[in-house]
Protein backbone atom coordinates (compact mmCIF):
# COMPACT_ATOMS: atom_id res chain seq x y z
CA UNK A 1 -24.79 -11.98 -1.49
CA UNK A 2 -23.68 -10.00 1.56
CA UNK A 3 -22.61 -12.11 4.57
CA UNK A 4 -22.02 -10.90 8.10
CA UNK A 5 -19.13 -12.52 9.98
CA UNK A 6 -18.02 -12.27 13.59
CA UNK A 7 -14.39 -13.35 13.53
CA UNK A 8 -13.44 -13.02 17.17
CA UNK A 9 -13.15 -16.74 17.94
CA UNK A 10 -12.47 -18.55 14.68
CA UNK A 11 -9.41 -19.31 12.58
CA UNK A 12 -10.98 -20.70 9.39
CA UNK A 13 -13.76 -19.59 7.05
CA UNK A 14 -15.35 -20.84 3.85
CA UNK A 15 -13.10 -19.97 0.95
CA UNK A 16 -9.95 -19.91 3.14
CA UNK A 17 -7.70 -22.96 3.20
CA UNK A 18 -7.78 -24.67 6.59
CA UNK A 19 -4.23 -24.30 7.91
CA UNK A 20 -3.04 -24.47 11.51
CA UNK A 21 -1.60 -21.02 12.19
CA UNK A 22 -0.70 -19.06 15.27
CA UNK A 23 -3.36 -16.47 16.17
CA UNK A 24 -1.78 -13.03 16.12
CA UNK A 25 -2.78 -9.50 16.99
CA UNK A 26 -2.47 -7.11 14.05
CA UNK A 27 -2.74 -3.33 14.13
CA UNK A 28 -3.21 -1.52 10.83
CA UNK A 29 -1.83 2.00 11.08
CA UNK A 30 -3.39 4.24 8.45
CA UNK A 31 -6.22 1.94 7.42
CA UNK A 32 -7.37 3.33 4.10
CA UNK A 33 -8.20 1.14 1.13
CA UNK A 34 -5.01 -0.95 1.29
CA UNK A 35 -4.97 -1.31 5.08
CA UNK A 36 -8.68 -2.12 5.30
CA UNK A 37 -8.32 -4.81 2.64
CA UNK A 38 -5.44 -6.65 4.31
CA UNK A 39 -6.83 -6.04 7.80
CA UNK A 40 -10.21 -7.37 6.70
CA UNK A 41 -8.66 -10.49 5.18
CA UNK A 42 -6.76 -11.20 8.41
CA UNK A 43 -9.80 -10.59 10.62
CA UNK A 44 -11.87 -12.81 8.33
CA UNK A 45 -9.34 -15.57 9.03
CA UNK A 46 -9.78 -15.18 12.79
CA UNK A 47 -6.90 -12.95 13.82
CA UNK A 48 -7.40 -10.06 16.23
CA UNK A 49 -7.21 -6.89 14.15
CA UNK A 50 -7.56 -3.22 15.02
CA UNK A 51 -7.84 -0.68 12.22
CA UNK A 52 -6.45 2.77 13.06
CA UNK A 53 -8.20 4.99 10.58
CA UNK A 54 -9.94 8.28 9.85
CA UNK A 55 -12.96 9.14 12.03
CA UNK A 56 -15.58 8.54 9.33
CA UNK A 57 -14.35 5.00 8.74
CA UNK A 58 -14.00 4.27 12.45
CA UNK A 59 -17.57 5.42 13.09
CA UNK A 60 -18.96 3.32 10.24
CA UNK A 61 -17.02 0.20 11.29
CA UNK A 62 -18.06 0.60 14.94
CA UNK A 63 -21.68 0.91 13.86
CA UNK A 64 -21.94 -1.78 11.19
CA UNK A 65 -18.58 -3.55 10.75
CA UNK A 66 -16.15 -3.40 7.83
CA UNK A 67 -17.71 -4.24 4.49
CA UNK A 68 -15.13 -6.15 2.44
CA UNK A 69 -16.32 -6.44 -1.16
CA UNK A 70 -14.01 -8.51 -3.34
CA UNK A 71 -14.26 -10.30 -6.66
CA UNK A 72 -15.04 -13.54 -4.80
CA UNK A 73 -17.15 -12.51 -1.80
CA UNK A 74 -19.01 -9.59 -0.22
CA UNK A 75 -19.00 -9.73 3.57
CA UNK A 76 -19.32 -7.53 6.64
CA UNK A 77 -16.63 -8.30 9.20
CA UNK A 78 -16.77 -7.33 12.86
CA UNK A 79 -13.43 -6.00 14.09
CA UNK A 80 -11.98 -3.21 16.22
CA UNK A 81 -11.30 0.28 14.90
CA UNK A 82 -9.91 3.43 16.44
CA UNK A 83 -8.51 6.87 15.66
CA UNK A 84 -5.92 6.53 18.45
CA UNK A 85 -2.30 5.54 17.72
CA UNK A 86 -2.07 4.01 21.21
CA UNK A 87 -4.09 1.06 19.87
CA UNK A 88 -0.89 -0.39 18.41
CA UNK A 89 -0.03 -1.36 22.00
CA UNK A 90 0.21 -5.13 22.38
CA UNK A 91 0.23 -5.84 18.64
CA UNK A 92 2.42 -8.66 17.38
CA UNK A 93 2.45 -7.09 13.92
CA UNK A 94 1.78 -3.60 12.58
CA UNK A 95 0.84 -3.11 8.96
CA UNK A 96 2.08 0.44 8.37
CA UNK A 97 -0.09 1.85 5.58
CA UNK A 98 0.09 5.63 6.00
CA UNK A 99 0.82 7.99 3.11
CA UNK A 100 4.53 8.35 2.39
CA UNK A 101 4.57 11.99 3.47
CA UNK A 102 3.32 11.00 6.92
CA UNK A 103 5.88 8.28 7.63
CA UNK A 104 8.07 10.12 10.13
CA UNK A 105 5.25 11.94 11.92
CA UNK A 106 3.14 8.81 12.40
CA UNK A 107 6.23 6.80 13.36
CA UNK A 108 6.95 9.23 16.18
CA UNK A 109 3.29 9.19 17.20
CA UNK A 110 3.10 5.42 17.64
CA UNK A 111 6.65 4.85 18.96
CA UNK A 112 5.79 5.17 22.69
CA UNK A 113 3.24 2.37 22.39
CA UNK A 114 5.34 -0.24 20.57
CA UNK A 115 6.29 -3.49 22.24
CA UNK A 116 9.86 -4.76 22.04
CA UNK A 117 8.87 -7.72 19.87
CA UNK A 118 6.54 -5.89 17.50
CA UNK A 119 7.23 -6.48 13.81
CA UNK A 120 6.33 -3.62 11.46
CA UNK A 121 5.67 -4.13 7.75
CA UNK A 122 5.69 -1.00 5.58
CA UNK A 123 2.92 -1.42 2.98
CA UNK A 124 3.44 1.91 1.23
CA UNK A 125 4.18 3.48 -2.14
CA UNK A 126 7.71 4.73 -2.72
CA UNK A 127 11.10 3.17 -2.10
CA UNK A 128 12.48 4.64 1.13
CA UNK A 129 9.69 4.46 3.72
CA UNK A 130 11.13 1.54 5.69
CA UNK A 131 14.52 3.21 6.13
CA UNK A 132 12.86 6.52 7.05
CA UNK A 133 10.71 4.74 9.64
CA UNK A 134 13.71 2.83 10.99
CA UNK A 135 15.54 6.12 11.49
CA UNK A 136 12.66 7.49 13.56
CA UNK A 137 12.25 4.35 15.64
CA UNK A 138 15.98 3.92 16.20
CA UNK A 139 15.90 7.22 18.05
CA UNK A 140 13.11 5.72 20.17
CA UNK A 141 14.93 2.46 20.89
CA UNK A 142 14.62 0.57 17.60
CA UNK A 143 12.11 -1.96 16.29
CA UNK A 144 12.02 -4.58 13.57
CA UNK A 145 10.85 -2.88 10.35
CA UNK A 146 10.46 -4.71 7.04
CA UNK A 147 9.84 -3.23 3.63
CA UNK A 148 7.06 -4.84 1.63
CA UNK A 149 5.91 -4.32 -1.95
CA UNK A 150 2.12 -4.18 -2.37
CA UNK A 151 0.23 -5.18 -5.50
CA UNK A 152 -3.47 -4.64 -4.91
CA UNK A 153 -6.23 -2.63 -6.58
CA UNK A 154 -8.64 -1.28 -3.97
CA UNK A 155 -10.73 1.77 -3.17
CA UNK A 156 -12.82 3.03 -0.29
CA UNK A 157 -16.30 2.93 -1.82
CA UNK A 158 -17.72 4.67 1.25
CA UNK A 159 -17.14 4.93 5.00
CA UNK A 160 -16.23 1.48 6.30
CA UNK A 161 -16.58 -0.06 2.81
CA UNK A 162 -13.51 -1.29 0.94
CA UNK A 163 -13.90 -2.54 -2.63
CA UNK A 164 -11.30 -4.86 -4.11
CA UNK A 165 -10.69 -4.76 -7.88
CA UNK A 166 -7.77 -7.14 -8.31
CA UNK A 167 -4.62 -8.82 -7.07
CA UNK A 168 -3.70 -8.56 -3.38
CA UNK A 169 -0.19 -9.97 -3.09
CA UNK A 170 2.89 -8.84 -1.20
CA UNK A 171 6.66 -9.20 -1.59
CA UNK A 172 8.79 -8.78 1.53
CA UNK A 173 12.39 -9.05 2.60
CA UNK A 174 13.38 -12.19 4.54
CA UNK A 175 13.50 -11.32 8.23
CA UNK A 176 14.35 -13.55 11.21
CA UNK A 177 11.28 -14.42 13.23
CA UNK A 178 8.63 -13.52 10.65
CA UNK A 179 7.58 -17.10 9.83
CA UNK A 180 4.37 -16.90 11.87
CA UNK A 181 3.41 -13.63 10.17
CA UNK A 182 3.93 -15.04 6.69
CA UNK A 183 1.92 -18.14 7.58
CA UNK A 184 -0.90 -15.99 8.92
CA UNK A 185 -1.04 -13.88 5.76
CA UNK A 186 -0.93 -16.85 3.40
CA UNK A 187 -3.60 -18.74 5.35
CA UNK A 188 -5.78 -15.62 5.20
CA UNK A 189 -5.67 -15.67 1.41
CA UNK A 190 -2.86 -13.13 0.96
CA UNK A 191 -0.12 -14.44 -1.35
CA UNK A 192 3.26 -13.28 -0.04
CA UNK A 193 6.69 -13.96 -1.46
CA UNK A 194 10.11 -13.29 0.02
CA UNK A 195 12.88 -11.61 -1.96
CA UNK A 196 16.53 -10.92 -1.27
CA UNK A 197 16.23 -7.92 -3.60
CA UNK A 198 13.39 -5.93 -2.08
CA UNK A 199 15.09 -2.69 -3.09
CA UNK A 200 14.85 -3.80 -6.72
CA UNK A 201 11.24 -4.90 -6.17
CA UNK A 202 10.35 -1.52 -4.64
CA UNK A 203 11.93 0.31 -7.55
CA UNK A 204 10.06 -1.87 -10.06
CA UNK A 205 6.79 -0.95 -8.32
CA UNK A 206 7.86 2.71 -8.22
CA UNK A 207 8.33 2.70 -11.98
CA UNK A 208 4.85 1.21 -12.45
CA UNK A 209 3.44 3.99 -10.28
CA UNK A 210 5.38 6.66 -12.17
CA UNK A 211 4.04 5.37 -15.49
CA UNK A 212 0.38 5.14 -14.45
CA UNK A 213 -0.48 7.19 -11.38
CA UNK A 214 -0.08 10.74 -12.61
CA UNK A 215 -1.78 10.10 -15.97
CA UNK A 216 -4.74 8.48 -14.21
CA UNK A 217 -4.85 11.36 -11.70
CA UNK A 218 -4.71 14.16 -14.27
CA UNK A 219 -7.43 12.58 -16.41
CA UNK A 220 -9.43 10.95 -13.57
CA UNK A 221 -9.65 7.86 -15.76
CA UNK A 222 -8.89 4.18 -15.05
CA UNK A 223 -5.81 2.45 -16.39
CA UNK A 224 -7.54 0.65 -19.25
CA UNK A 225 -8.91 3.91 -20.62
CA UNK A 226 -5.74 5.97 -20.21
CA UNK A 227 -3.50 3.56 -22.13
CA UNK A 228 -5.90 3.73 -25.09
CA UNK A 229 -5.44 7.52 -25.36
CA UNK A 230 -3.54 8.99 -28.29
CA UNK A 231 0.15 9.18 -27.47
CA UNK A 232 -0.25 8.03 -23.87
CA UNK A 233 1.73 4.82 -24.26
CA UNK A 234 4.58 6.83 -25.80
CA UNK A 235 4.51 9.15 -22.76
CA UNK A 236 4.60 6.15 -20.46
CA UNK A 237 7.56 4.68 -22.33
CA UNK A 238 9.42 7.98 -21.93
CA UNK A 239 8.62 7.99 -18.19
CA UNK A 240 9.93 4.44 -17.84
CA UNK A 241 13.11 5.23 -19.79
CA UNK A 242 13.90 8.12 -17.44
CA UNK A 243 13.21 5.97 -14.38
CA UNK A 244 15.46 3.20 -15.69
CA UNK A 245 18.28 5.68 -16.30
CA UNK A 246 17.99 7.00 -12.74
CA UNK A 247 17.82 3.46 -11.31
CA UNK A 248 20.95 2.43 -13.24
CA UNK A 249 22.85 5.51 -12.07
CA UNK A 250 21.75 4.77 -8.50
CA UNK A 251 23.04 1.20 -8.66
CA UNK A 252 19.60 -0.42 -8.38
CA UNK A 253 19.34 -4.08 -9.42
CA UNK A 254 15.81 -3.98 -10.82
CA UNK A 255 13.63 -7.02 -10.24
CA UNK A 256 11.87 -8.56 -13.23
CA UNK A 257 11.06 -7.15 -16.66
CA UNK A 258 9.81 -3.62 -16.00
CA UNK A 259 8.65 -3.01 -19.58
CA UNK A 260 6.56 -6.19 -19.49
CA UNK A 261 5.10 -5.32 -16.08
CA UNK A 262 4.06 -1.85 -17.30
CA UNK A 263 2.48 -3.32 -20.42
CA UNK A 264 0.52 -5.91 -18.42
CA UNK A 265 -0.79 -3.68 -15.62
CA UNK A 266 -3.62 -2.05 -17.56
CA UNK A 267 -4.89 -5.47 -18.68
CA UNK A 268 -4.82 -6.86 -15.14
CA UNK A 269 -6.52 -3.79 -13.58
CA UNK A 270 -8.41 -2.05 -16.43
CA UNK A 271 -11.04 -0.41 -14.21
CA UNK A 272 -8.66 0.74 -11.47
CA UNK A 273 -7.93 4.42 -10.92
CA UNK A 274 -4.61 5.18 -9.30
CA UNK A 275 -4.34 6.05 -5.62
CA UNK A 276 -3.14 9.46 -6.78
CA UNK A 277 -6.37 9.92 -8.76
CA UNK A 278 -8.43 8.85 -5.75
CA UNK A 279 -6.60 11.31 -3.49
CA UNK A 280 -7.16 14.20 -5.91
CA UNK A 281 -10.84 13.33 -6.29
CA UNK A 282 -11.25 13.52 -2.50
CA UNK A 283 -9.28 16.75 -2.17
CA UNK A 284 -6.49 15.01 -0.26
CA UNK A 285 -2.71 15.45 -0.62
CA UNK A 286 -1.21 12.90 -3.00
CA UNK A 287 2.03 10.92 -2.83
CA UNK A 288 3.32 12.36 -6.12
CA UNK A 289 6.41 13.80 -4.36
CA UNK A 290 7.42 10.20 -3.56
CA UNK A 291 6.67 8.87 -7.06
CA UNK A 292 7.51 11.01 -10.12
CA UNK A 293 8.80 13.71 -7.75
CA UNK A 294 11.26 11.24 -6.24
CA UNK A 295 12.58 10.40 -9.72
CA UNK A 296 12.99 14.12 -10.46
CA UNK A 297 14.95 14.72 -7.22
CA UNK A 298 17.07 11.59 -7.52
CA UNK A 299 17.75 12.30 -11.17
CA UNK A 300 18.91 15.82 -10.34
CA UNK A 301 21.25 14.47 -7.66
CA UNK A 302 22.72 11.94 -10.11
CA UNK A 303 22.90 14.24 -13.15
CA UNK A 304 20.10 12.48 -15.06
CA UNK A 305 17.53 14.60 -16.93
CA UNK A 306 13.91 13.62 -16.19
CA UNK A 307 11.72 16.10 -18.16
CA UNK A 308 8.69 13.85 -18.64
CA UNK A 309 8.53 12.88 -14.98
CA UNK A 310 8.95 16.57 -14.11
CA UNK A 311 5.96 17.56 -16.25
CA UNK A 312 3.70 14.89 -14.71
CA UNK A 313 4.85 15.76 -11.19
CA UNK A 314 4.29 19.50 -11.69
CA UNK A 315 0.83 19.03 -13.23
CA UNK A 316 -0.34 16.87 -10.33
CA UNK A 317 1.06 19.44 -7.88
CA UNK A 318 -0.98 22.13 -9.66
CA UNK A 319 -4.12 20.02 -9.35
CA UNK A 320 -3.33 19.45 -5.67
CA UNK A 321 -3.15 23.20 -5.14
CA UNK A 322 -6.69 23.61 -6.50
CA UNK A 323 -8.08 21.46 -3.71
CA UNK A 324 -5.84 22.72 -0.89
């Protein structure tokens, strides 16, 4: 059943644990599927949220609200949306969700509008976005930027309509002064953990992406179907082995059991297509240069051969060129 919510004056909703939290203003920069999901969850919990997104989504949200369709509820949420980077002005927190290739350009675009106390969380694929964004913002005066690891299966099912397929949790680095932000996210139904090894967490997520994203993109099939293909799991094991060799040579302390995480992902998200597959299907540039392509570049710099990652990277780049 579809419900319509106006969240401008409330801090609790059915299905959200009643917790006293500080009301915050969030701006979501690059509100695609991931940004719309987390922004919608926060707005649903009563926080002021502005989604900075593509024109077709902004128009749909302005006209009818954001439709947030999850495994547990299907609701339309009234919240602000804009195409203008200046809307980050006055935000307590920015969820930075742009594609990895746009990190520096969008960072420079929003820098003039950032407040001195604004906290920025990078919710992006890849392992170096936070440091790249810090470098841009340091030249503009510096701001607090935290890396976060995102585990969520979402897609934009249409303009202003985000569909959630599974998970929705974050891992972030401990940062002074972020207690109110973490409380807000948890009270909004977003599990978030802190880790002193976010670099290792980011690399673990990178390896998951390297194993699944390109295969899903090339075939345009969901995870559960791809892993059942002849020889595909052997390919994925070869991808992971190369990634682990590069990580070891780079001095990365990997978080958790990567082999187990790769094996479990298809079972936890069997119907999910990778973000790379979704980008290709829409004729958009992918992030493959920051996934398998990153492993290829880092491997070359460290003297580690990465032939399987190179093949997957090059095939996705060929498919990208067909839609360019």
